[in-house]
Amino acid sequence: MTPLLPMAYLPPVSWCSVAWKAETVALEACDHYQKGSLRNRCYLAGPNGAQRLSIPLAKGKNQQTPIRDVRISYDEPWQRQHWRSIKTAYGNAPYFEHYAGDIIRFYERPYPFLFDYNLDFLQVIFQKKMGWKGQFICTEQFHPKEEWPLGPDLREAFSGDQYPFPQWFQPQQYAQVFAEKSGFLPNLSLLDLLFCCGKQCGEVL
């Protein structure tokens, strides 16, 4: 079975739980950009609760743009801002120092295209840092809803005004940096899981 998932910027734990259990994961590479999706935003556990980070996009009608053609904007220093937020959120996490050197590279090097940035980031964390033995493949043609032939079509499972939380997802709790203040916040970004759990990520997923 090869689940079909939407591309995401540092995807939520529910997305990761699907991917972790699969030998091959198909990433949708032939759709059009959708405003307000995971493609350019993620959620951290900040000092004041769930905090959203959004990657700014180059001006234009991105809503009608093929996802692989969507360009990142660098008119604002968003990379420095995102990294500052990540350090504030996870500087005291058990595994921050262990992984920070690999993560910060994605906030120093500019990428022209959003899809390429997300894919490289995902592969480094999932395969090189978490030790996932599977592989990501990118779709080569668009399949209409529910017509993906190789497994479940989960492209629409991770959406919503709040941070995405599919009804079927049963989160496993783990220690978070600000849990005493905010309580456990489920289904945050992959970074939350990585910095808090390290090599135990697989056990949570």
C-alpha atoms as a PDB file:
ATOM      1  CA  MET A   1       0.000   0.000   0.000  1.00  0.00           C
ATOM      2  CA  THR A   2       1.276   3.447  -0.980  1.00  0.00           C
ATOM      3  CA  PRO A   3      -0.672   6.266   0.680  1.00  0.00           C
ATOM      4  CA  LEU A   4      -1.027   9.516  -1.246  1.00  0.00           C
ATOM      5  CA  LEU A   5      -0.261  12.530   0.948  1.00  0.00           C
ATOM      6  CA  PRO A   6      -0.131  16.273   0.304  1.00  0.00           C
ATOM      7  CA  MET A   7       3.245  17.966   0.377  1.00  0.00           C
ATOM      8  CA  ALA A   8       3.722  19.882   3.625  1.00  0.00           C
ATOM      9  CA  TYR A   9       6.102  22.234   5.378  1.00  0.00           C
ATOM     10  CA  LEU A  10       7.296  20.241   8.414  1.00  0.00           C
ATOM     11  CA  PRO A  11       4.078  18.143   8.470  1.00  0.00           C
ATOM     12  CA  PRO A  12       2.009  17.378  11.591  1.00  0.00           C
ATOM     13  CA  VAL A  13       2.383  14.205  13.617  1.00  0.00           C
ATOM     14  CA  SER A  14      -0.806  12.703  12.111  1.00  0.00           C
ATOM     15  CA  TRP A  15       0.726  13.028   8.614  1.00  0.00           C
ATOM     16  CA  CYS A  16       3.958  11.495   9.903  1.00  0.00           C
ATOM     17  CA  SER A  17       2.140   8.581  11.534  1.00  0.00           C
ATOM     18  CA  VAL A  18       0.761   7.556   8.144  1.00  0.00           C
ATOM     19  CA  ALA A  19       4.112   7.933   6.409  1.00  0.00           C
ATOM     20  CA  TRP A  20       6.090   6.141   9.121  1.00  0.00           C
ATOM     21  CA  LYS A  21       4.043   2.948   8.745  1.00  0.00           C
ATOM     22  CA  ALA A  22       4.437   2.805   4.958  1.00  0.00           C
ATOM     23  CA  GLU A  23       7.326   1.470   2.907  1.00  0.00           C
ATOM     24  CA  THR A  24       6.579   3.960   0.134  1.00  0.00           C
ATOM     25  CA  VAL A  25       4.758   7.288   0.383  1.00  0.00           C
ATOM     26  CA  ALA A  26       3.486   9.156  -2.667  1.00  0.00           C
ATOM     27  CA  LEU A  27       3.623  12.951  -2.429  1.00  0.00           C
ATOM     28  CA  GLU A  28       1.170  14.912  -4.564  1.00  0.00           C
ATOM     29  CA  ALA A  29       3.307  16.839  -7.037  1.00  0.00           C
ATOM     30  CA  CYS A  30       0.771  17.496  -9.802  1.00  0.00           C
ATOM     31  CA  ASP A  31      -1.969  19.496  -8.112  1.00  0.00           C
ATOM     32  CA  HIS A  32      -2.321  23.271  -7.815  1.00  0.00           C
ATOM     33  CA  TYR A  33      -1.396  25.325  -4.790  1.00  0.00           C
ATOM     34  CA  GLN A  34      -4.217  25.691  -2.256  1.00  0.00           C
ATOM     35  CA  LYS A  35      -4.321  28.721   0.007  1.00  0.00           C
ATOM     36  CA  GLY A  36      -4.403  27.999   3.729  1.00  0.00           C
ATOM     37  CA  SER A  37      -2.927  24.513   3.434  1.00  0.00           C
ATOM     38  CA  LEU A  38      -0.002  22.681   5.002  1.00  0.00           C
ATOM     39  CA  ARG A  39       2.127  23.362   1.962  1.00  0.00           C
ATOM     40  CA  ASN A  40       3.608  26.505   3.458  1.00  0.00           C
ATOM     41  CA  ARG A  41       2.680  26.441   7.144  1.00  0.00           C
ATOM     42  CA  CYS A  42       3.278  24.408  10.281  1.00  0.00           C
ATOM     43  CA  TYR A  43       2.523  24.588  14.006  1.00  0.00           C
ATOM     44  CA  LEU A  44       4.939  24.619  16.949  1.00  0.00           C
ATOM     45  CA  ALA A  45       4.412  24.462  20.706  1.00  0.00           C
ATOM     46  CA  GLY A  46       5.398  27.999  21.638  1.00  0.00           C
ATOM     47  CA  PRO A  47       5.470  29.641  25.081  1.00  0.00           C
ATOM     48  CA  ASN A  48       1.852  30.803  24.596  1.00  0.00           C
ATOM     49  CA  GLY A  49       0.413  27.670  23.024  1.00  0.00           C
ATOM     50  CA  ALA A  50       0.247  26.498  19.428  1.00  0.00           C
ATOM     51  CA  GLN A  51       2.135  28.873  17.141  1.00  0.00           C
ATOM     52  CA  ARG A  52       1.804  28.953  13.362  1.00  0.00           C
ATOM     53  CA  LEU A  53       4.747  29.568  11.034  1.00  0.00           C
ATOM     54  CA  SER A  54       4.034  30.454   7.407  1.00  0.00           C
ATOM     55  CA  ILE A  55       6.456  30.625   4.494  1.00  0.00           C
ATOM     56  CA  PRO A  56       5.700  33.729   2.369  1.00  0.00           C
ATOM     57  CA  LEU A  57       5.192  33.121  -1.325  1.00  0.00           C
ATOM     58  CA  ALA A  58       6.111  35.201  -4.330  1.00  0.00           C
ATOM     59  CA  LYS A  59       3.299  37.509  -5.371  1.00  0.00           C
ATOM     60  CA  GLY A  60       0.906  36.250  -8.021  1.00  0.00           C
ATOM     61  CA  LYS A  61      -2.060  33.932  -8.409  1.00  0.00           C
ATOM     62  CA  ASN A  62      -0.547  31.028  -6.499  1.00  0.00           C
ATOM     63  CA  GLN A  63      -4.004  29.492  -6.117  1.00  0.00           C
ATOM     64  CA  GLN A  64      -3.872  28.580  -9.821  1.00  0.00           C
ATOM     65  CA  THR A  65      -0.190  27.662  -9.933  1.00  0.00           C
ATOM     66  CA  PRO A  66       1.053  24.063 -10.212  1.00  0.00           C
ATOM     67  CA  ILE A  67       2.518  23.180  -6.831  1.00  0.00           C
ATOM     68  CA  ARG A  68       6.000  22.570  -8.205  1.00  0.00           C
ATOM     69  CA  ASP A  69       6.076  26.065  -9.727  1.00  0.00           C
ATOM     70  CA  VAL A  70       5.202  27.996  -6.558  1.00  0.00           C
ATOM     71  CA  ARG A  71       8.104  30.243  -5.596  1.00  0.00           C
ATOM     72  CA  ILE A  72       9.183  31.327  -2.122  1.00  0.00           C
ATOM     73  CA  SER A  73       9.429  35.052  -1.401  1.00  0.00           C
ATOM     74  CA  TYR A  74      12.459  36.494   0.345  1.00  0.00           C
ATOM     75  CA  ASP A  75      11.186  40.068   0.547  1.00  0.00           C
ATOM     76  CA  GLU A  76      11.006  39.529   4.306  1.00  0.00           C
ATOM     77  CA  PRO A  77      13.633  37.749   6.464  1.00  0.00           C
ATOM     78  CA  TRP A  78      11.253  34.875   7.162  1.00  0.00           C
ATOM     79  CA  GLN A  79      14.034  32.311   7.528  1.00  0.00           C
ATOM     80  CA  ARG A  80      15.612  34.250  10.383  1.00  0.00           C
ATOM     81  CA  GLN A  81      12.188  34.798  11.943  1.00  0.00           C
ATOM     82  CA  HIS A  82      11.238  31.122  11.721  1.00  0.00           C
ATOM     83  CA  TRP A  83      14.540  30.009  13.203  1.00  0.00           C
ATOM     84  CA  ARG A  84      14.181  32.480  16.045  1.00  0.00           C
ATOM     85  CA  SER A  85      10.711  31.080  16.797  1.00  0.00           C
ATOM     86  CA  ILE A  86      12.040  27.516  16.660  1.00  0.00           C
ATOM     87  CA  LYS A  87      14.848  28.342  19.097  1.00  0.00           C
ATOM     88  CA  THR A  88      12.393  30.037  21.469  1.00  0.00           C
ATOM     89  CA  ALA A  89      10.068  27.042  21.336  1.00  0.00           C
ATOM     90  CA  TYR A  90      12.647  24.249  21.531  1.00  0.00           C
ATOM     91  CA  GLY A  91      15.900  25.677  22.824  1.00  0.00           C
ATOM     92  CA  ASN A  92      15.342  23.781  26.079  1.00  0.00           C
ATOM     93  CA  ALA A  93      14.046  20.590  24.443  1.00  0.00           C
ATOM     94  CA  PRO A  94      16.068  17.426  25.196  1.00  0.00           C
ATOM     95  CA  TYR A  95      17.279  16.915  21.623  1.00  0.00           C
ATOM     96  CA  PHE A  96      17.516  20.474  20.332  1.00  0.00           C
ATOM     97  CA  GLU A  97      21.314  20.672  20.420  1.00  0.00           C
ATOM     98  CA  HIS A  98      21.599  17.243  18.821  1.00  0.00           C
ATOM     99  CA  TYR A  99      19.582  18.184  15.727  1.00  0.00           C
ATOM    100  CA  ALA A 100      19.832  21.980  15.511  1.00  0.00           C
ATOM    101  CA  GLY A 101      22.939  21.962  13.311  1.00  0.00           C
ATOM    102  CA  ASP A 102      21.121  20.038  10.584  1.00  0.00           C
ATOM    103  CA  ILE A 103      17.878  21.976  10.876  1.00  0.00           C
ATOM    104  CA  ILE A 104      19.379  25.475  10.778  1.00  0.00           C
ATOM    105  CA  ARG A 105      20.762  24.830   7.293  1.00  0.00           C
ATOM    106  CA  PHE A 106      17.228  25.111   5.947  1.00  0.00           C
ATOM    107  CA  TYR A 107      17.024  28.601   7.409  1.00  0.00           C
ATOM    108  CA  GLU A 108      20.294  29.772   5.888  1.00  0.00           C
ATOM    109  CA  ARG A 109      20.143  28.545   2.303  1.00  0.00           C
ATOM    110  CA  PRO A 110      17.545  30.060  -0.057  1.00  0.00           C
ATOM    111  CA  TYR A 111      15.394  27.728  -2.146  1.00  0.00           C
ATOM    112  CA  PRO A 112      13.599  29.137  -5.190  1.00  0.00           C
ATOM    113  CA  PHE A 113      10.674  26.680  -5.079  1.00  0.00           C
ATOM    114  CA  LEU A 114       8.451  25.718  -2.143  1.00  0.00           C
ATOM    115  CA  PHE A 115       8.052  22.093  -3.221  1.00  0.00           C
ATOM    116  CA  ASP A 116      11.800  21.481  -3.436  1.00  0.00           C
ATOM    117  CA  TYR A 117      12.386  23.113  -0.063  1.00  0.00           C
ATOM    118  CA  ASN A 118       9.728  20.981   1.631  1.00  0.00           C
ATOM    119  CA  LEU A 119      10.903  17.777   0.000  1.00  0.00           C
ATOM    120  CA  ASP A 120      14.561  18.221   0.937  1.00  0.00           C
ATOM    121  CA  PHE A 121      13.632  19.192   4.506  1.00  0.00           C
ATOM    122  CA  LEU A 122      11.323  16.192   4.839  1.00  0.00           C
ATOM    123  CA  GLN A 123      13.889  13.717   3.535  1.00  0.00           C
ATOM    124  CA  VAL A 124      16.631  14.957   5.862  1.00  0.00           C
ATOM    125  CA  ILE A 125      14.482  14.653   8.970  1.00  0.00           C
ATOM    126  CA  PHE A 126      12.503  11.525   8.142  1.00  0.00           C
ATOM    127  CA  GLN A 127      15.217   9.434   6.563  1.00  0.00           C
ATOM    128  CA  LYS A 128      18.534  10.725   7.879  1.00  0.00           C
ATOM    129  CA  LYS A 129      17.547  11.827  11.395  1.00  0.00           C
ATOM    130  CA  MET A 130      14.606   9.608  12.317  1.00  0.00           C
ATOM    131  CA  GLY A 131      15.877   6.549  10.494  1.00  0.00           C
ATOM    132  CA  TRP A 132      12.804   5.822   8.396  1.00  0.00           C
ATOM    133  CA  LYS A 133      13.605   2.999   5.972  1.00  0.00           C
ATOM    134  CA  GLY A 134      10.948   3.855   3.424  1.00  0.00           C
ATOM    135  CA  GLN A 135      11.029   6.143   0.421  1.00  0.00           C
ATOM    136  CA  PHE A 136       9.144   9.152  -0.879  1.00  0.00           C
ATOM    137  CA  ILE A 137       8.017   9.245  -4.487  1.00  0.00           C
ATOM    138  CA  CYS A 138       6.406  12.167  -6.299  1.00  0.00           C
ATOM    139  CA  THR A 139       3.315  11.696  -8.438  1.00  0.00           C
ATOM    140  CA  GLU A 140       3.828  12.094 -12.164  1.00  0.00           C
ATOM    141  CA  GLN A 141       0.220  12.794 -13.096  1.00  0.00           C
ATOM    142  CA  PHE A 142      -2.852  14.121 -11.305  1.00  0.00           C
ATOM    143  CA  HIS A 143      -5.429  11.625 -10.090  1.00  0.00           C
ATOM    144  CA  PRO A 144      -8.943  12.884  -9.289  1.00  0.00           C
ATOM    145  CA  LYS A 145     -10.278  12.389  -5.776  1.00  0.00           C
ATOM    146  CA  GLU A 146     -10.425   8.740  -4.695  1.00  0.00           C
ATOM    147  CA  GLU A 147      -8.852   7.521  -7.933  1.00  0.00           C
ATOM    148  CA  TRP A 148      -5.337   6.969  -6.578  1.00  0.00           C
ATOM    149  CA  PRO A 149      -4.794   3.268  -7.427  1.00  0.00           C
ATOM    150  CA  LEU A 150      -2.024   2.300  -4.987  1.00  0.00           C
ATOM    151  CA  GLY A 151      -3.520   2.978  -1.545  1.00  0.00           C
ATOM    152  CA  PRO A 152      -5.524   5.472   0.515  1.00  0.00           C
ATOM    153  CA  ASP A 153      -5.945   8.983  -0.870  1.00  0.00           C
ATOM    154  CA  LEU A 154      -5.286  11.282   2.092  1.00  0.00           C
ATOM    155  CA  ARG A 155      -4.744  14.547   0.240  1.00  0.00           C
ATOM    156  CA  GLU A 156      -7.735  16.192   1.926  1.00  0.00           C
ATOM    157  CA  ALA A 157      -7.275  14.688   5.376  1.00  0.00           C
ATOM    158  CA  PHE A 158      -5.031  17.436   6.733  1.00  0.00           C
ATOM    159  CA  SER A 159      -6.875  20.722   6.530  1.00  0.00           C
ATOM    160  CA  GLY A 160      -8.841  23.096   8.705  1.00  0.00           C
ATOM    161  CA  ASP A 161      -8.724  26.515  10.295  1.00  0.00           C
ATOM    162  CA  GLN A 162      -6.891  25.239  13.355  1.00  0.00           C
ATOM    163  CA  TYR A 163      -3.837  23.035  13.098  1.00  0.00           C
ATOM    164  CA  PRO A 164      -4.956  19.945  11.128  1.00  0.00           C
ATOM    165  CA  PHE A 165      -6.387  17.102  13.173  1.00  0.00           C
ATOM    166  CA  PRO A 166      -7.957  14.183  11.261  1.00  0.00           C
ATOM    167  CA  GLN A 167     -10.793  12.516  13.162  1.00  0.00           C
ATOM    168  CA  TRP A 168      -9.186   9.101  12.834  1.00  0.00           C
ATOM    169  CA  PHE A 169      -5.914  10.193  14.422  1.00  0.00           C
ATOM    170  CA  GLN A 170      -5.379   9.025  18.009  1.00  0.00           C
ATOM    171  CA  PRO A 171      -2.418  11.026  19.364  1.00  0.00           C
ATOM    172  CA  GLN A 172       0.104   9.471  21.723  1.00  0.00           C
ATOM    173  CA  GLN A 173       1.273  11.868  24.403  1.00  0.00           C
ATOM    174  CA  TYR A 174       4.943  12.658  24.921  1.00  0.00           C
ATOM    175  CA  ALA A 175       6.808  15.226  27.025  1.00  0.00           C
ATOM    176  CA  GLN A 176       6.671  18.744  25.545  1.00  0.00           C
ATOM    177  CA  VAL A 177       8.666  21.800  26.577  1.00  0.00           C
ATOM    178  CA  PHE A 178       5.733  23.945  27.754  1.00  0.00           C
ATOM    179  CA  ALA A 179       3.406  21.146  28.860  1.00  0.00           C
ATOM    180  CA  GLU A 180       3.188  22.444  32.440  1.00  0.00           C
ATOM    181  CA  LYS A 181       1.839  25.747  31.132  1.00  0.00           C
ATOM    182  CA  SER A 182      -0.207  24.727  28.088  1.00  0.00           C
ATOM    183  CA  GLY A 183      -0.884  21.050  28.628  1.00  0.00           C
ATOM    184  CA  PHE A 184      -0.154  18.525  25.914  1.00  0.00           C
ATOM    185  CA  LEU A 185      -0.716  19.940  22.414  1.00  0.00           C
ATOM    186  CA  PRO A 186      -1.345  17.074  19.974  1.00  0.00           C
ATOM    187  CA  ASN A 187      -0.572  16.897  16.294  1.00  0.00           C
ATOM    188  CA  LEU A 188       1.999  19.658  16.027  1.00  0.00           C
ATOM    189  CA  SER A 189       4.873  19.811  13.549  1.00  0.00           C
ATOM    190  CA  LEU A 190       7.368  17.053  13.013  1.00  0.00           C
ATOM    191  CA  LEU A 191       9.928  19.378  14.627  1.00  0.00           C
ATOM    192  CA  ASP A 192       8.069  19.218  17.941  1.00  0.00           C
ATOM    193  CA  LEU A 193       8.302  15.437  17.926  1.00  0.00           C
ATOM    194  CA  LEU A 194      11.948  15.406  16.808  1.00  0.00           C
ATOM    195  CA  PHE A 195      13.266  17.883  19.379  1.00  0.00           C
ATOM    196  CA  CYS A 196      11.249  16.378  22.238  1.00  0.00           C
ATOM    197  CA  CYS A 197      11.667  12.658  21.499  1.00  0.00           C
ATOM    198  CA  GLY A 198      14.785  12.196  19.379  1.00  0.00           C
ATOM    199  CA  LYS A 199      15.274   8.605  18.259  1.00  0.00           C
ATOM    200  CA  GLN A 200      12.080   7.636  20.105  1.00  0.00           C
ATOM    201  CA  CYS A 201       9.980   9.364  17.442  1.00  0.00           C
ATOM    202  CA  GLY A 202       9.126   6.030  15.881  1.00  0.00           C
ATOM    203  CA  GLU A 203       7.675   4.732  19.118  1.00  0.00           C
ATOM    204  CA  VAL A 204       5.280   7.691  19.296  1.00  0.00           C
ATOM    205  CA  LEU A 205       4.306   7.298  15.649  1.00  0.00           C
END
